[in-house]
Amino acid sequence: MSTHYIGADVDCRTTELVVRRNNKIVLALRVPTTIPALIEALRRIPSPKILAIEEGTTADWLYRNLRPHVDEMIVCDPRRNRLITDDGDKSNRIDAGKLSELLAGGFLRPVYHGATEDSLLLKQWVGLYHDRVRDAVRQVNKVRGRCRMYGVWPPAGAVSVTKVRDPWVKEMPNQALAAQLRLLFLGLDVARQQVVRARQEMTRRAKPFEIIQRWQKIPGIGPVRAITFLAYMDTPWRFANRCKRWKYCGVGLVRKATGTDKRGRPKPGRLCLELAANRALKDAMMGGAISAINQGDNVLSDLYHRLCAKGVLPSNVRHSVARKIIDKMIAMWKTNQPYEPDLA
């Protein structure tokens, strides 16, 4: 029996479904982007059937509700498909047809989605926390930038301490700047309140996971970095090998080579960092490596200074320390064992 390959281009209001069988389009549907309408459309398609959608804001919602109604469902990486989907004419139906063609050819790269709703909610709160932190930093930079426009330098604590800020703004000779700063400080205070609220909720949802407490014994790993690693990694068995795990965390290397030299020999490959990585995980792991190095008197700091003494670039050593931290966290997660510094 021939397999039906279904490509779905999802919009906030409607979804285009294109069904391909034996390399031919046999059905094209436009349905509302609601679970009952999509389920009814999928029931009209005979089995075996494989559904493909691209990763996006609604991907997890659709995956959890539509997965039981197809034989297989793939949430794929849209960056990998861009060169093909952007070629030629473009519409939702055309994009769905190209997606079904890529699915039939086996050219899609799946995007991982967790198995439980609790892990999804934890990841959402972790992502919200990091977003609010970035917004708070952005508000601080706006305040400082506004002061520089008038050649004013905020005194120590003026940005973060209300008792210092209020008298400083009140006594400011330039009332035009004072009025602008009062408005900016409103946004800053709200952003900081959101950071506190998001961190409290994130911490509350992470309490059932005992591994977080054990991870905090690793130099450079605090509660936020441990929770971030847990939320985005979801399971220690997610990746087949540590090289793929390193690349996902932004500290893995890829080899790139192109062309030949003057003698026609292939040029040697150049190692560089994987750019398509999880930014939150990269910030957490690199931040943990730098903190461990700065703390000193631990095996990770000793590793850093030992490799630097051998002539390795400090930037490369920092990535090596981050990879060591990731391997240690995964090993502790798989074996459910405490941190042992002598094995780092």
C-alpha atoms as a PDB file:
ATOM      1  CA  MET A   1       0.000   0.000   0.000  1.00  0.00           C
ATOM      2  CA  SER A   2       1.370   3.409  -0.972  1.00  0.00           C
ATOM      3  CA  THR A   3       2.181   5.888   1.761  1.00  0.00           C
ATOM      4  CA  HIS A   4       0.416   9.254   1.809  1.00  0.00           C
ATOM      5  CA  TYR A   5       2.829  12.106   2.534  1.00  0.00           C
ATOM      6  CA  ILE A   6       1.028  15.149   3.933  1.00  0.00           C
ATOM      7  CA  GLY A   7       2.625  18.595   3.961  1.00  0.00           C
ATOM      8  CA  ALA A   8       0.886  21.207   6.116  1.00  0.00           C
ATOM      9  CA  ASP A   9       1.529  24.942   5.848  1.00  0.00           C
ATOM     10  CA  VAL A  10       0.066  26.380   9.057  1.00  0.00           C
ATOM     11  CA  ASP A  11      -1.302  29.906   9.353  1.00  0.00           C
ATOM     12  CA  CYS A  12      -3.005  31.430  12.385  1.00  0.00           C
ATOM     13  CA  ARG A  13      -6.394  31.165  10.629  1.00  0.00           C
ATOM     14  CA  THR A  14      -6.136  28.468   7.945  1.00  0.00           C
ATOM     15  CA  THR A  15      -3.945  25.468   7.158  1.00  0.00           C
ATOM     16  CA  GLU A  16      -3.125  24.182   3.689  1.00  0.00           C
ATOM     17  CA  LEU A  17      -2.829  20.382   3.435  1.00  0.00           C
ATOM     18  CA  VAL A  18      -1.257  18.830   0.341  1.00  0.00           C
ATOM     19  CA  VAL A  19      -1.224  15.037   0.045  1.00  0.00           C
ATOM     20  CA  ARG A  20       1.347  13.293  -2.157  1.00  0.00           C
ATOM     21  CA  ARG A  21       1.251   9.613  -3.165  1.00  0.00           C
ATOM     22  CA  ASN A  22       3.580   7.914  -5.634  1.00  0.00           C
ATOM     23  CA  ASN A  23       5.247  11.281  -6.256  1.00  0.00           C
ATOM     24  CA  LYS A  24       1.957  12.868  -7.369  1.00  0.00           C
ATOM     25  CA  ILE A  25      -0.324  15.315  -5.593  1.00  0.00           C
ATOM     26  CA  VAL A  26      -3.630  13.529  -5.034  1.00  0.00           C
ATOM     27  CA  LEU A  27      -5.407  15.936  -2.686  1.00  0.00           C
ATOM     28  CA  ALA A  28      -5.212  19.571  -1.575  1.00  0.00           C
ATOM     29  CA  LEU A  29      -7.298  20.949   1.271  1.00  0.00           C
ATOM     30  CA  ARG A  30      -7.713  24.260   3.040  1.00  0.00           C
ATOM     31  CA  VAL A  31      -9.116  23.927   6.558  1.00  0.00           C
ATOM     32  CA  PRO A  32      -9.375  26.218   9.584  1.00  0.00           C
ATOM     33  CA  THR A  33      -6.464  25.994  12.013  1.00  0.00           C
ATOM     34  CA  THR A  34      -8.481  24.247  14.705  1.00  0.00           C
ATOM     35  CA  ILE A  35      -7.938  20.787  16.096  1.00  0.00           C
ATOM     36  CA  PRO A  36     -11.422  19.397  15.194  1.00  0.00           C
ATOM     37  CA  ALA A  37     -11.162  20.635  11.594  1.00  0.00           C
ATOM     38  CA  LEU A  38      -7.641  19.255  11.147  1.00  0.00           C
ATOM     39  CA  ILE A  39      -8.562  15.890  12.666  1.00  0.00           C
ATOM     40  CA  GLU A  40     -11.569  15.614  10.359  1.00  0.00           C
ATOM     41  CA  ALA A  41      -9.364  16.388   7.342  1.00  0.00           C
ATOM     42  CA  LEU A  42      -6.766  13.788   8.386  1.00  0.00           C
ATOM     43  CA  ARG A  43      -9.492  11.137   8.760  1.00  0.00           C
ATOM     44  CA  ARG A  44     -10.346  11.564   5.065  1.00  0.00           C
ATOM     45  CA  ILE A  45      -6.821  10.505   4.087  1.00  0.00           C
ATOM     46  CA  PRO A  46      -6.227   6.717   3.986  1.00  0.00           C
ATOM     47  CA  SER A  47      -3.429   5.100   5.987  1.00  0.00           C
ATOM     48  CA  PRO A  48      -0.482   4.781   5.984  1.00  0.00           C
ATOM     49  CA  LYS A  49      -0.028   8.553   6.258  1.00  0.00           C
ATOM     50  CA  ILE A  50       2.837  10.750   7.450  1.00  0.00           C
ATOM     51  CA  LEU A  51       2.281  14.391   8.365  1.00  0.00           C
ATOM     52  CA  ALA A  52       4.969  17.103   8.275  1.00  0.00           C
ATOM     53  CA  ILE A  53       4.771  20.642   9.665  1.00  0.00           C
ATOM     54  CA  GLU A  54       7.475  23.230  10.217  1.00  0.00           C
ATOM     55  CA  GLU A  55       8.622  24.308  13.662  1.00  0.00           C
ATOM     56  CA  GLY A  56       6.831  27.423  14.919  1.00  0.00           C
ATOM     57  CA  THR A  57       4.779  28.877  17.743  1.00  0.00           C
ATOM     58  CA  THR A  58       1.901  26.424  17.207  1.00  0.00           C
ATOM     59  CA  ALA A  59       4.059  23.370  16.439  1.00  0.00           C
ATOM     60  CA  ASP A  60       3.946  21.767  19.888  1.00  0.00           C
ATOM     61  CA  TRP A  61       0.190  22.323  20.201  1.00  0.00           C
ATOM     62  CA  LEU A  62      -0.420  20.697  16.839  1.00  0.00           C
ATOM     63  CA  TYR A  63       2.039  17.862  17.514  1.00  0.00           C
ATOM     64  CA  ARG A  64       0.345  16.819  20.758  1.00  0.00           C
ATOM     65  CA  ASN A  65      -3.149  16.912  19.295  1.00  0.00           C
ATOM     66  CA  LEU A  66      -2.598  15.524  15.780  1.00  0.00           C
ATOM     67  CA  ARG A  67       0.065  12.878  16.474  1.00  0.00           C
ATOM     68  CA  PRO A  68      -2.483  10.158  17.469  1.00  0.00           C
ATOM     69  CA  HIS A  69      -4.362  10.585  14.162  1.00  0.00           C
ATOM     70  CA  VAL A  70      -1.483   9.805  11.773  1.00  0.00           C
ATOM     71  CA  ASP A  71       0.997   6.953  11.518  1.00  0.00           C
ATOM     72  CA  GLU A  72       3.939   9.333  11.890  1.00  0.00           C
ATOM     73  CA  MET A  73       4.320  13.061  12.407  1.00  0.00           C
ATOM     74  CA  ILE A  74       7.448  15.137  11.813  1.00  0.00           C
ATOM     75  CA  VAL A  75       8.049  18.675  13.052  1.00  0.00           C
ATOM     76  CA  CYS A  76      10.916  19.836  10.857  1.00  0.00           C
ATOM     77  CA  ASP A  77      13.522  22.593  10.909  1.00  0.00           C
ATOM     78  CA  PRO A  78      12.373  25.409   8.550  1.00  0.00           C
ATOM     79  CA  ARG A  79      15.916  26.726   8.103  1.00  0.00           C
ATOM     80  CA  ARG A  80      16.896  23.540   6.278  1.00  0.00           C
ATOM     81  CA  ASN A  81      13.976  23.907   3.853  1.00  0.00           C
ATOM     82  CA  ARG A  82      14.390  27.599   3.098  1.00  0.00           C
ATOM     83  CA  LEU A  83      16.373  27.351  -0.148  1.00  0.00           C
ATOM     84  CA  ILE A  84      13.696  25.105  -1.648  1.00  0.00           C
ATOM     85  CA  THR A  85      10.549  26.724  -0.238  1.00  0.00           C
ATOM     86  CA  ASP A  86      11.702  30.226  -1.257  1.00  0.00           C
ATOM     87  CA  ASP A  87      12.473  29.148  -4.837  1.00  0.00           C
ATOM     88  CA  GLY A  88       9.908  30.079  -7.492  1.00  0.00           C
ATOM     89  CA  ASP A  89       6.296  31.047  -6.843  1.00  0.00           C
ATOM     90  CA  LYS A  90       5.214  31.181  -3.232  1.00  0.00           C
ATOM     91  CA  SER A  91       1.876  30.631  -1.523  1.00  0.00           C
ATOM     92  CA  ASN A  92       0.632  28.567   1.373  1.00  0.00           C
ATOM     93  CA  ARG A  93      -0.541  25.770  -0.916  1.00  0.00           C
ATOM     94  CA  ILE A  94       2.709  25.757  -2.905  1.00  0.00           C
ATOM     95  CA  ASP A  95       4.729  25.657   0.317  1.00  0.00           C
ATOM     96  CA  ALA A  96       2.633  22.740   1.588  1.00  0.00           C
ATOM     97  CA  GLY A  97       3.246  20.898  -1.676  1.00  0.00           C
ATOM     98  CA  LYS A  98       6.998  21.443  -1.455  1.00  0.00           C
ATOM     99  CA  LEU A  99       6.931  20.252   2.157  1.00  0.00           C
ATOM    100  CA  SER A 100       5.160  17.047   1.163  1.00  0.00           C
ATOM    101  CA  GLU A 101       7.765  16.537  -1.588  1.00  0.00           C
ATOM    102  CA  LEU A 102      10.633  16.969   0.890  1.00  0.00           C
ATOM    103  CA  LEU A 103       8.875  14.584   3.277  1.00  0.00           C
ATOM    104  CA  ALA A 104       8.504  11.910   0.596  1.00  0.00           C
ATOM    105  CA  GLY A 105      12.177  12.281  -0.324  1.00  0.00           C
ATOM    106  CA  GLY A 106      13.362  12.003   3.273  1.00  0.00           C
ATOM    107  CA  PHE A 107      15.005  15.436   3.279  1.00  0.00           C
ATOM    108  CA  LEU A 108      13.396  16.850   6.421  1.00  0.00           C
ATOM    109  CA  ARG A 109      15.296  17.315   9.672  1.00  0.00           C
ATOM    110  CA  PRO A 110      13.016  16.585  12.661  1.00  0.00           C
ATOM    111  CA  VAL A 111      12.856  18.992  15.612  1.00  0.00           C
ATOM    112  CA  TYR A 112      12.623  17.398  19.050  1.00  0.00           C
ATOM    113  CA  HIS A 113       9.435  17.795  21.077  1.00  0.00           C
ATOM    114  CA  GLY A 114       9.156  16.556  24.669  1.00  0.00           C
ATOM    115  CA  ALA A 115       6.874  13.756  25.655  1.00  0.00           C
ATOM    116  CA  THR A 116       5.161  15.361  28.663  1.00  0.00           C
ATOM    117  CA  GLU A 117       3.238  18.569  29.181  1.00  0.00           C
ATOM    118  CA  ASP A 118       5.156  19.277  32.408  1.00  0.00           C
ATOM    119  CA  SER A 119       8.439  19.458  30.500  1.00  0.00           C
ATOM    120  CA  LEU A 120       6.818  21.766  27.939  1.00  0.00           C
ATOM    121  CA  LEU A 121       5.523  24.137  30.635  1.00  0.00           C
ATOM    122  CA  LEU A 122       8.923  24.203  32.343  1.00  0.00           C
ATOM    123  CA  LYS A 123      10.606  25.045  29.034  1.00  0.00           C
ATOM    124  CA  GLN A 124       8.066  27.806  28.401  1.00  0.00           C
ATOM    125  CA  TRP A 125       8.725  29.380  31.808  1.00  0.00           C
ATOM    126  CA  VAL A 126      12.485  29.101  31.344  1.00  0.00           C
ATOM    127  CA  GLY A 127      12.202  30.774  27.943  1.00  0.00           C
ATOM    128  CA  LEU A 128       9.980  33.482  29.429  1.00  0.00           C
ATOM    129  CA  TYR A 129      12.470  34.100  32.228  1.00  0.00           C
ATOM    130  CA  HIS A 130      15.379  34.571  29.822  1.00  0.00           C
ATOM    131  CA  ASP A 131      13.237  36.827  27.636  1.00  0.00           C
ATOM    132  CA  ARG A 132      12.340  39.029  30.620  1.00  0.00           C
ATOM    133  CA  VAL A 133      15.996  39.195  31.681  1.00  0.00           C
ATOM    134  CA  ARG A 134      16.947  40.398  28.200  1.00  0.00           C
ATOM    135  CA  ASP A 135      14.174  42.982  28.338  1.00  0.00           C
ATOM    136  CA  ALA A 136      15.369  44.239  31.745  1.00  0.00           C
ATOM    137  CA  VAL A 137      18.908  44.609  30.389  1.00  0.00           C
ATOM    138  CA  ARG A 138      17.486  46.435  27.381  1.00  0.00           C
ATOM    139  CA  GLN A 139      15.652  48.871  29.681  1.00  0.00           C
ATOM    140  CA  VAL A 140      18.844  49.537  31.651  1.00  0.00           C
ATOM    141  CA  ASN A 141      20.726  50.272  28.428  1.00  0.00           C
ATOM    142  CA  LYS A 142      17.966  52.676  27.358  1.00  0.00           C
ATOM    143  CA  VAL A 143      18.318  54.586  30.627  1.00  0.00           C
ATOM    144  CA  ARG A 144      22.080  54.813  30.296  1.00  0.00           C
ATOM    145  CA  GLY A 145      21.846  55.773  26.631  1.00  0.00           C
ATOM    146  CA  ARG A 146      19.362  58.535  27.405  1.00  0.00           C
ATOM    147  CA  CYS A 147      21.704  59.919  30.044  1.00  0.00           C
ATOM    148  CA  ARG A 148      24.621  59.914  27.616  1.00  0.00           C
ATOM    149  CA  MET A 149      22.566  61.975  25.163  1.00  0.00           C
ATOM    150  CA  TYR A 150      22.713  64.795  27.713  1.00  0.00           C
ATOM    151  CA  GLY A 151      26.235  64.108  28.922  1.00  0.00           C
ATOM    152  CA  VAL A 152      24.990  62.822  32.295  1.00  0.00           C
ATOM    153  CA  TRP A 153      26.424  59.810  34.120  1.00  0.00           C
ATOM    154  CA  PRO A 154      24.121  58.073  36.625  1.00  0.00           C
ATOM    155  CA  PRO A 155      25.614  57.793  40.135  1.00  0.00           C
ATOM    156  CA  ALA A 156      26.332  54.360  41.594  1.00  0.00           C
ATOM    157  CA  GLY A 157      23.087  52.508  42.345  1.00  0.00           C
ATOM    158  CA  ALA A 158      20.838  55.038  40.578  1.00  0.00           C
ATOM    159  CA  VAL A 159      19.581  52.473  38.049  1.00  0.00           C
ATOM    160  CA  SER A 160      18.782  49.708  40.527  1.00  0.00           C
ATOM    161  CA  VAL A 161      18.196  51.295  43.952  1.00  0.00           C
ATOM    162  CA  THR A 162      15.056  53.398  44.341  1.00  0.00           C
ATOM    163  CA  LYS A 163      16.397  55.299  47.371  1.00  0.00           C
ATOM    164  CA  VAL A 164      19.311  56.544  45.267  1.00  0.00           C
ATOM    165  CA  ARG A 165      17.339  57.029  42.065  1.00  0.00           C
ATOM    166  CA  ASP A 166      14.455  59.208  43.297  1.00  0.00           C
ATOM    167  CA  PRO A 167      16.547  62.006  44.907  1.00  0.00           C
ATOM    168  CA  TRP A 168      18.919  62.013  41.925  1.00  0.00           C
ATOM    169  CA  VAL A 169      16.096  62.461  39.398  1.00  0.00           C
ATOM    170  CA  LYS A 170      14.273  64.990  41.598  1.00  0.00           C
ATOM    171  CA  GLU A 171      17.348  67.203  41.984  1.00  0.00           C
ATOM    172  CA  MET A 172      18.398  66.924  38.343  1.00  0.00           C
ATOM    173  CA  PRO A 173      18.895  70.377  36.752  1.00  0.00           C
ATOM    174  CA  ASN A 174      17.711  69.168  33.337  1.00  0.00           C
ATOM    175  CA  GLN A 175      13.994  68.576  33.851  1.00  0.00           C
ATOM    176  CA  ALA A 176      13.539  67.409  30.237  1.00  0.00           C
ATOM    177  CA  LEU A 177      15.878  64.499  30.930  1.00  0.00           C
ATOM    178  CA  ALA A 178      14.257  63.887  34.314  1.00  0.00           C
ATOM    179  CA  ALA A 179      10.828  63.485  32.710  1.00  0.00           C
ATOM    180  CA  GLN A 180      12.186  61.005  30.176  1.00  0.00           C
ATOM    181  CA  LEU A 181      14.004  58.993  32.859  1.00  0.00           C
ATOM    182  CA  ARG A 182      10.863  58.745  35.010  1.00  0.00           C
ATOM    183  CA  LEU A 183       9.080  57.127  32.068  1.00  0.00           C
ATOM    184  CA  LEU A 184      11.957  54.736  31.355  1.00  0.00           C
ATOM    185  CA  PHE A 185      12.229  53.750  35.012  1.00  0.00           C
ATOM    186  CA  LEU A 186       8.564  52.673  34.933  1.00  0.00           C
ATOM    187  CA  GLY A 187       9.389  50.158  32.195  1.00  0.00           C
ATOM    188  CA  LEU A 188      12.525  49.023  34.017  1.00  0.00           C
ATOM    189  CA  ASP A 189      10.664  48.383  37.278  1.00  0.00           C
ATOM    190  CA  VAL A 190       7.981  46.370  35.488  1.00  0.00           C
ATOM    191  CA  ALA A 191      10.592  44.288  33.649  1.00  0.00           C
ATOM    192  CA  ARG A 192      12.384  43.517  36.916  1.00  0.00           C
ATOM    193  CA  GLN A 193       9.142  42.477  38.578  1.00  0.00           C
ATOM    194  CA  GLN A 194       8.480  40.148  35.661  1.00  0.00           C
ATOM    195  CA  VAL A 195      11.969  38.645  36.042  1.00  0.00           C
ATOM    196  CA  VAL A 196      11.311  37.887  39.715  1.00  0.00           C
ATOM    197  CA  ARG A 197       7.886  36.382  38.972  1.00  0.00           C
ATOM    198  CA  ALA A 198       9.168  34.235  36.118  1.00  0.00           C
ATOM    199  CA  ARG A 199      12.098  32.976  38.205  1.00  0.00           C
ATOM    200  CA  GLN A 200       9.816  32.030  41.083  1.00  0.00           C
ATOM    201  CA  GLU A 201       7.492  30.065  38.799  1.00  0.00           C
ATOM    202  CA  MET A 202      10.404  28.460  36.961  1.00  0.00           C
ATOM    203  CA  THR A 203      11.985  27.380  40.256  1.00  0.00           C
ATOM    204  CA  ARG A 204       8.678  26.024  41.569  1.00  0.00           C
ATOM    205  CA  ARG A 205       8.135  23.854  38.510  1.00  0.00           C
ATOM    206  CA  ALA A 206      11.708  22.532  38.678  1.00  0.00           C
ATOM    207  CA  LYS A 207      11.474  21.361  42.327  1.00  0.00           C
ATOM    208  CA  PRO A 208      10.415  17.761  41.498  1.00  0.00           C
ATOM    209  CA  PHE A 209      13.674  17.189  39.593  1.00  0.00           C
ATOM    210  CA  GLU A 210      16.342  16.134  42.097  1.00  0.00           C
ATOM    211  CA  ILE A 211      19.106  16.206  39.489  1.00  0.00           C
ATOM    212  CA  ILE A 212      19.058  20.018  39.603  1.00  0.00           C
ATOM    213  CA  GLN A 213      20.377  20.019  43.174  1.00  0.00           C
ATOM    214  CA  ARG A 214      23.193  17.626  42.268  1.00  0.00           C
ATOM    215  CA  TRP A 215      24.168  19.664  39.218  1.00  0.00           C
ATOM    216  CA  GLN A 216      24.713  22.703  41.409  1.00  0.00           C
ATOM    217  CA  LYS A 217      27.714  20.954  42.975  1.00  0.00           C
ATOM    218  CA  ILE A 218      29.528  21.377  39.655  1.00  0.00           C
ATOM    219  CA  PRO A 219      31.710  24.525  39.646  1.00  0.00           C
ATOM    220  CA  GLY A 220      30.042  27.336  37.700  1.00  0.00           C
ATOM    221  CA  ILE A 221      26.563  25.763  37.663  1.00  0.00           C
ATOM    222  CA  GLY A 222      23.890  27.563  39.657  1.00  0.00           C
ATOM    223  CA  PRO A 223      20.125  27.024  39.838  1.00  0.00           C
ATOM    224  CA  VAL A 224      19.237  29.032  36.718  1.00  0.00           C
ATOM    225  CA  ARG A 225      21.850  27.306  34.541  1.00  0.00           C
ATOM    226  CA  ALA A 226      20.856  23.889  35.875  1.00  0.00           C
ATOM    227  CA  ILE A 227      17.149  24.494  35.243  1.00  0.00           C
ATOM    228  CA  THR A 228      17.878  25.871  31.776  1.00  0.00           C
ATOM    229  CA  PHE A 229      19.899  22.759  30.880  1.00  0.00           C
ATOM    230  CA  LEU A 230      17.147  20.468  32.154  1.00  0.00           C
ATOM    231  CA  ALA A 231      14.358  22.331  30.361  1.00  0.00           C
ATOM    232  CA  TYR A 232      15.984  22.443  26.927  1.00  0.00           C
ATOM    233  CA  MET A 233      17.707  19.046  27.041  1.00  0.00           C
ATOM    234  CA  ASP A 234      14.596  17.341  28.462  1.00  0.00           C
ATOM    235  CA  THR A 235      16.197  13.879  28.592  1.00  0.00           C
ATOM    236  CA  PRO A 236      19.783  12.579  28.723  1.00  0.00           C
ATOM    237  CA  TRP A 237      18.983  10.166  25.885  1.00  0.00           C
ATOM    238  CA  ARG A 238      17.945  12.866  23.410  1.00  0.00           C
ATOM    239  CA  PHE A 239      21.123  12.785  21.289  1.00  0.00           C
ATOM    240  CA  ALA A 240      22.830   9.733  19.822  1.00  0.00           C
ATOM    241  CA  ASN A 241      26.324  10.982  20.676  1.00  0.00           C
ATOM    242  CA  ARG A 242      28.023  13.795  22.515  1.00  0.00           C
ATOM    243  CA  CYS A 243      29.144  15.584  19.342  1.00  0.00           C
ATOM    244  CA  LYS A 244      25.528  16.261  18.385  1.00  0.00           C
ATOM    245  CA  ARG A 245      24.834  17.353  21.956  1.00  0.00           C
ATOM    246  CA  TRP A 246      27.766  19.772  21.889  1.00  0.00           C
ATOM    247  CA  LYS A 247      26.563  21.291  18.621  1.00  0.00           C
ATOM    248  CA  TYR A 248      23.070  21.800  20.025  1.00  0.00           C
ATOM    249  CA  CYS A 249      24.603  23.582  23.028  1.00  0.00           C
ATOM    250  CA  GLY A 250      26.674  25.832  20.761  1.00  0.00           C
ATOM    251  CA  VAL A 251      30.091  24.506  21.786  1.00  0.00           C
ATOM    252  CA  GLY A 252      30.488  21.750  19.180  1.00  0.00           C
ATOM    253  CA  LEU A 253      32.704  22.045  16.120  1.00  0.00           C
ATOM    254  CA  VAL A 254      31.884  21.500  12.454  1.00  0.00           C
ATOM    255  CA  ARG A 255      34.425  21.030   9.672  1.00  0.00           C
ATOM    256  CA  LYS A 256      34.052  23.165   6.547  1.00  0.00           C
ATOM    257  CA  ALA A 257      36.181  22.758   3.435  1.00  0.00           C
ATOM    258  CA  THR A 258      35.744  23.949  -0.130  1.00  0.00           C
ATOM    259  CA  GLY A 259      37.838  24.272  -3.282  1.00  0.00           C
ATOM    260  CA  THR A 260      41.388  23.172  -4.035  1.00  0.00           C
ATOM    261  CA  ASP A 261      44.839  24.732  -3.769  1.00  0.00           C
ATOM    262  CA  LYS A 262      47.109  25.700  -6.698  1.00  0.00           C
ATOM    263  CA  ARG A 263      48.188  22.083  -7.135  1.00  0.00           C
ATOM    264  CA  GLY A 264      44.624  20.811  -7.322  1.00  0.00           C
ATOM    265  CA  ARG A 265      44.668  19.236  -3.892  1.00  0.00           C
ATOM    266  CA  PRO A 266      41.579  19.598  -1.652  1.00  0.00           C
ATOM    267  CA  LYS A 267      42.009  22.369   0.871  1.00  0.00           C
ATOM    268  CA  PRO A 268      42.169  21.220   4.503  1.00  0.00           C
ATOM    269  CA  GLY A 269      38.975  21.561   6.475  1.00  0.00           C
ATOM    270  CA  ARG A 270      38.481  24.473   8.838  1.00  0.00           C
ATOM    271  CA  LEU A 271      36.961  23.818  12.256  1.00  0.00           C
ATOM    272  CA  CYS A 272      34.417  26.359  13.481  1.00  0.00           C
ATOM    273  CA  LEU A 273      31.583  26.533  15.976  1.00  0.00           C
ATOM    274  CA  GLU A 274      28.089  25.430  15.029  1.00  0.00           C
ATOM    275  CA  LEU A 275      26.017  28.600  14.621  1.00  0.00           C
ATOM    276  CA  ALA A 276      22.602  26.912  14.483  1.00  0.00           C
ATOM    277  CA  ALA A 277      22.531  26.223  18.219  1.00  0.00           C
ATOM    278  CA  ASN A 278      20.275  26.814  21.205  1.00  0.00           C
ATOM    279  CA  ARG A 279      21.310  30.294  22.348  1.00  0.00           C
ATOM    280  CA  ALA A 280      19.971  29.912  25.891  1.00  0.00           C
ATOM    281  CA  LEU A 281      21.910  26.685  26.380  1.00  0.00           C
ATOM    282  CA  LYS A 282      25.073  28.171  24.900  1.00  0.00           C
ATOM    283  CA  ASP A 283      24.874  31.173  27.223  1.00  0.00           C
ATOM    284  CA  ALA A 284      24.297  28.891  30.215  1.00  0.00           C
ATOM    285  CA  MET A 285      27.133  26.479  29.449  1.00  0.00           C
ATOM    286  CA  MET A 286      29.671  29.123  28.438  1.00  0.00           C
ATOM    287  CA  GLY A 287      28.697  31.196  31.444  1.00  0.00           C
ATOM    288  CA  GLY A 288      29.198  28.146  33.659  1.00  0.00           C
ATOM    289  CA  ALA A 289      32.632  27.507  32.130  1.00  0.00           C
ATOM    290  CA  ILE A 290      33.756  31.106  32.670  1.00  0.00           C
ATOM    291  CA  SER A 291      32.445  31.105  36.247  1.00  0.00           C
ATOM    292  CA  ALA A 292      34.226  27.839  37.044  1.00  0.00           C
ATOM    293  CA  ILE A 293      37.492  29.195  35.617  1.00  0.00           C
ATOM    294  CA  ASN A 294      37.198  32.442  37.574  1.00  0.00           C
ATOM    295  CA  GLN A 295      36.381  30.616  40.813  1.00  0.00           C
ATOM    296  CA  GLY A 296      39.686  28.753  40.735  1.00  0.00           C
ATOM    297  CA  ASP A 297      40.656  25.877  43.024  1.00  0.00           C
ATOM    298  CA  ASN A 298      38.646  23.269  41.091  1.00  0.00           C
ATOM    299  CA  VAL A 299      39.368  20.660  38.446  1.00  0.00           C
ATOM    300  CA  LEU A 300      37.824  22.726  35.653  1.00  0.00           C
ATOM    301  CA  SER A 301      39.975  25.743  36.450  1.00  0.00           C
ATOM    302  CA  ASP A 302      43.027  23.475  36.655  1.00  0.00           C
ATOM    303  CA  LEU A 303      42.149  22.046  33.226  1.00  0.00           C
ATOM    304  CA  TYR A 304      41.898  25.561  31.787  1.00  0.00           C
ATOM    305  CA  HIS A 305      45.291  26.689  33.098  1.00  0.00           C
ATOM    306  CA  ARG A 306      46.942  23.396  32.104  1.00  0.00           C
ATOM    307  CA  LEU A 307      45.769  23.642  28.491  1.00  0.00           C
ATOM    308  CA  CYS A 308      46.623  27.340  28.276  1.00  0.00           C
ATOM    309  CA  ALA A 309      50.142  26.546  29.478  1.00  0.00           C
ATOM    310  CA  LYS A 310      50.452  24.127  26.544  1.00  0.00           C
ATOM    311  CA  GLY A 311      49.753  26.946  24.098  1.00  0.00           C
ATOM    312  CA  VAL A 312      46.055  26.331  23.378  1.00  0.00           C
ATOM    313  CA  LEU A 313      44.082  29.513  22.737  1.00  0.00           C
ATOM    314  CA  PRO A 314      42.090  30.579  25.837  1.00  0.00           C
ATOM    315  CA  SER A 315      38.899  30.872  23.775  1.00  0.00           C
ATOM    316  CA  ASN A 316      39.282  27.259  22.617  1.00  0.00           C
ATOM    317  CA  VAL A 317      39.977  26.112  26.166  1.00  0.00           C
ATOM    318  CA  ARG A 318      36.825  27.800  27.446  1.00  0.00           C
ATOM    319  CA  HIS A 319      34.791  25.795  24.936  1.00  0.00           C
ATOM    320  CA  SER A 320      36.606  22.633  26.052  1.00  0.00           C
ATOM    321  CA  VAL A 321      35.657  23.377  29.669  1.00  0.00           C
ATOM    322  CA  ALA A 322      32.031  23.926  28.614  1.00  0.00           C
ATOM    323  CA  ARG A 323      32.039  20.558  26.809  1.00  0.00           C
ATOM    324  CA  LYS A 324      33.463  18.941  29.949  1.00  0.00           C
ATOM    325  CA  ILE A 325      30.632  20.425  32.027  1.00  0.00           C
ATOM    326  CA  ILE A 326      28.001  19.164  29.574  1.00  0.00           C
ATOM    327  CA  ASP A 327      29.468  15.641  29.596  1.00  0.00           C
ATOM    328  CA  LYS A 328      29.567  15.612  33.394  1.00  0.00           C
ATOM    329  CA  MET A 329      25.943  16.781  33.676  1.00  0.00           C
ATOM    330  CA  ILE A 330      24.736  14.137  31.225  1.00  0.00           C
ATOM    331  CA  ALA A 331      26.722  11.392  32.998  1.00  0.00           C
ATOM    332  CA  MET A 332      25.247  12.376  36.369  1.00  0.00           C
ATOM    333  CA  TRP A 333      21.780  12.447  34.793  1.00  0.00           C
ATOM    334  CA  LYS A 334      22.084   8.992  33.237  1.00  0.00           C
ATOM    335  CA  THR A 335      23.593   7.283  36.281  1.00  0.00           C
ATOM    336  CA  ASN A 336      21.733   9.292  38.934  1.00  0.00           C
ATOM    337  CA  GLN A 337      25.018   9.753  40.795  1.00  0.00           C
ATOM    338  CA  PRO A 338      26.382  12.779  42.725  1.00  0.00           C
ATOM    339  CA  TYR A 339      29.162  14.989  41.430  1.00  0.00           C
ATOM    340  CA  GLU A 340      32.671  13.589  41.830  1.00  0.00           C
ATOM    341  CA  PRO A 341      35.359  16.243  41.174  1.00  0.00           C
ATOM    342  CA  ASP A 342      38.152  13.739  40.585  1.00  0.00           C
ATOM    343  CA  LEU A 343      36.270  12.368  37.573  1.00  0.00           C
ATOM    344  CA  ALA A 344      35.652  15.779  35.938  1.00  0.00           C
END
